[in-house]
């Protein structure tokens, strides 16, 4: 029997989206769900850190600017924790400056996707290359 979802065991892969804009979070969720993923949403960095630690998703997508704890701080905390250090992180943000990219990469972020007209296409292609989706 062939599994109906995107993993060999038939269990959907989980992605945590840490995004303070409810509209953008809903758009990202819809995109990821349409590609066969289970999606958790956190509305700020502290909630995102708590959910990542509790659920250990296959991927965390982080906004850079958020209340209570920004994406760089969340990335740093996740990479410093042996239980979450293995989780790949993507920064998905409107900040496309070299400084923002450098900060993210220095904290272990595997990709940096600017929020622009091509963001959804780039995100899906990145997730395919990471083997999060097929």
Protein backbone atom coordinates (compact mmCIF):
# COMPACT_ATOMS: atom_id res chain seq x y z
CA UNK A 1 0.00 0.00 0.00
CA UNK A 2 1.28 3.48 -0.88
CA UNK A 3 1.07 6.06 1.93
CA UNK A 4 -1.30 8.92 1.18
CA UNK A 5 0.87 11.62 2.71
CA UNK A 6 4.41 12.85 2.30
CA UNK A 7 6.33 10.42 4.51
CA UNK A 8 7.05 6.75 4.27
CA UNK A 9 5.18 6.00 7.49
CA UNK A 10 2.03 7.76 6.28
CA UNK A 11 2.39 10.48 8.92
CA UNK A 12 2.40 14.06 7.66
CA UNK A 13 5.51 16.09 8.28
CA UNK A 14 5.01 18.98 10.67
CA UNK A 15 6.13 22.54 9.95
CA UNK A 16 5.97 25.28 12.56
CA UNK A 17 5.32 28.76 11.16
CA UNK A 18 6.27 31.57 13.56
CA UNK A 19 4.59 34.66 12.11
CA UNK A 20 2.98 37.58 13.94
CA UNK A 21 0.75 38.63 11.03
CA UNK A 22 -2.45 36.51 11.13
CA UNK A 23 -3.02 37.14 7.41
CA UNK A 24 0.46 36.03 6.40
CA UNK A 25 0.33 33.06 8.77
CA UNK A 26 -2.94 31.94 7.18
CA UNK A 27 -1.50 32.30 3.68
CA UNK A 28 1.60 30.28 4.55
CA UNK A 29 -0.52 27.65 6.29
CA UNK A 30 -2.77 27.28 3.24
CA UNK A 31 0.26 26.92 0.95
CA UNK A 32 1.88 24.28 3.14
CA UNK A 33 -1.33 22.33 3.82
CA UNK A 34 -2.00 22.26 0.07
CA UNK A 35 1.39 20.57 -0.26
CA UNK A 36 0.56 17.83 2.25
CA UNK A 37 2.09 19.20 5.44
CA UNK A 38 0.74 19.47 8.97
CA UNK A 39 1.17 23.10 10.06
CA UNK A 40 1.45 24.63 13.51
CA UNK A 41 1.22 28.41 13.92
CA UNK A 42 2.86 30.55 16.59
CA UNK A 43 2.09 34.26 16.73
CA UNK A 44 5.32 35.39 18.40
CA UNK A 45 8.83 34.18 19.11
CA UNK A 46 8.21 32.97 22.66
CA UNK A 47 5.22 30.85 21.57
CA UNK A 48 7.25 29.59 18.61
CA UNK A 49 10.11 28.51 20.85
CA UNK A 50 7.70 26.71 23.19
CA UNK A 51 5.93 24.90 20.33
CA UNK A 52 9.20 23.90 18.65
CA UNK A 53 10.44 22.43 21.92
CA UNK A 54 7.17 20.59 22.57
CA UNK A 55 6.36 19.27 19.08
CA UNK A 56 9.84 18.98 17.47
CA UNK A 57 8.65 19.79 13.93
CA UNK A 58 10.61 18.80 10.83
CA UNK A 59 11.05 22.49 9.97
CA UNK A 60 10.53 25.93 11.51
CA UNK A 61 9.76 28.95 9.33
CA UNK A 62 10.52 32.17 11.20
CA UNK A 63 9.59 35.77 10.61
CA UNK A 64 12.40 38.14 11.59
CA UNK A 65 10.45 40.90 13.36
CA UNK A 66 8.05 39.65 16.04
CA UNK A 67 6.91 40.68 19.48
CA UNK A 68 8.54 39.34 22.65
CA UNK A 69 11.36 37.52 20.79
CA UNK A 70 12.54 38.07 17.21
CA UNK A 71 13.40 35.37 14.68
CA UNK A 72 17.16 35.63 15.27
CA UNK A 73 16.66 35.15 19.02
CA UNK A 74 14.40 32.15 18.40
CA UNK A 75 16.95 30.65 16.00
CA UNK A 76 19.72 31.13 18.56
CA UNK A 77 17.66 29.49 21.33
CA UNK A 78 16.64 26.55 19.13
CA UNK A 79 20.21 25.88 17.98
CA UNK A 80 21.50 26.14 21.57
CA UNK A 81 19.06 23.44 22.77
CA UNK A 82 20.26 19.88 22.03
CA UNK A 83 16.63 18.74 21.64
CA UNK A 84 15.91 21.26 18.84
CA UNK A 85 19.36 21.96 17.36
CA UNK A 86 18.73 19.51 14.50
CA UNK A 87 15.57 21.27 13.26
CA UNK A 88 16.19 23.21 10.03
CA UNK A 89 15.19 26.88 10.16
CA UNK A 90 14.10 29.20 7.37
CA UNK A 91 13.83 32.97 7.79
CA UNK A 92 10.84 34.26 5.84
CA UNK A 93 10.86 38.03 6.11
CA UNK A 94 10.37 41.35 4.38
CA UNK A 95 13.94 42.27 5.39
CA UNK A 96 16.19 41.39 2.49
CA UNK A 97 19.27 43.27 3.61
CA UNK A 98 22.67 41.58 3.66
CA UNK A 99 22.89 42.33 7.39
CA UNK A 100 19.63 40.48 8.15
CA UNK A 101 20.74 37.55 6.00
CA UNK A 102 24.14 37.43 7.69
CA UNK A 103 22.59 37.49 11.17
CA UNK A 104 20.26 34.63 10.28
CA UNK A 105 22.94 32.49 8.70
CA UNK A 106 25.22 33.03 11.68
CA UNK A 107 22.48 31.56 13.90
CA UNK A 108 22.13 28.38 11.84
CA UNK A 109 19.30 29.37 9.50
CA UNK A 110 19.50 27.17 6.37
CA UNK A 111 17.71 29.57 4.03
CA UNK A 112 16.53 33.14 3.85
CA UNK A 113 13.39 33.83 1.79
CA UNK A 114 12.39 37.47 1.26
CA UNK A 115 8.66 38.17 1.27
CA UNK A 116 8.22 39.28 -2.31
CA UNK A 117 6.25 38.32 -5.42
CA UNK A 118 8.25 35.08 -5.77
CA UNK A 119 8.23 34.03 -2.11
CA UNK A 120 5.66 31.23 -2.38
CA UNK A 121 7.37 29.63 -5.37
CA UNK A 122 10.78 29.92 -3.71
CA UNK A 123 9.44 28.46 -0.45
CA UNK A 124 7.92 25.42 -2.17
CA UNK A 125 11.09 24.81 -4.19
CA UNK A 126 13.20 25.13 -1.03
CA UNK A 127 11.00 22.62 0.79
CA UNK A 128 11.30 20.21 -2.15
CA UNK A 129 15.09 20.51 -2.11
CA UNK A 130 15.05 19.90 1.66
CA UNK A 131 12.83 16.84 1.05
CA UNK A 132 10.15 18.26 3.36
CA UNK A 133 7.69 17.92 0.45
CA UNK A 134 7.84 15.89 -2.74
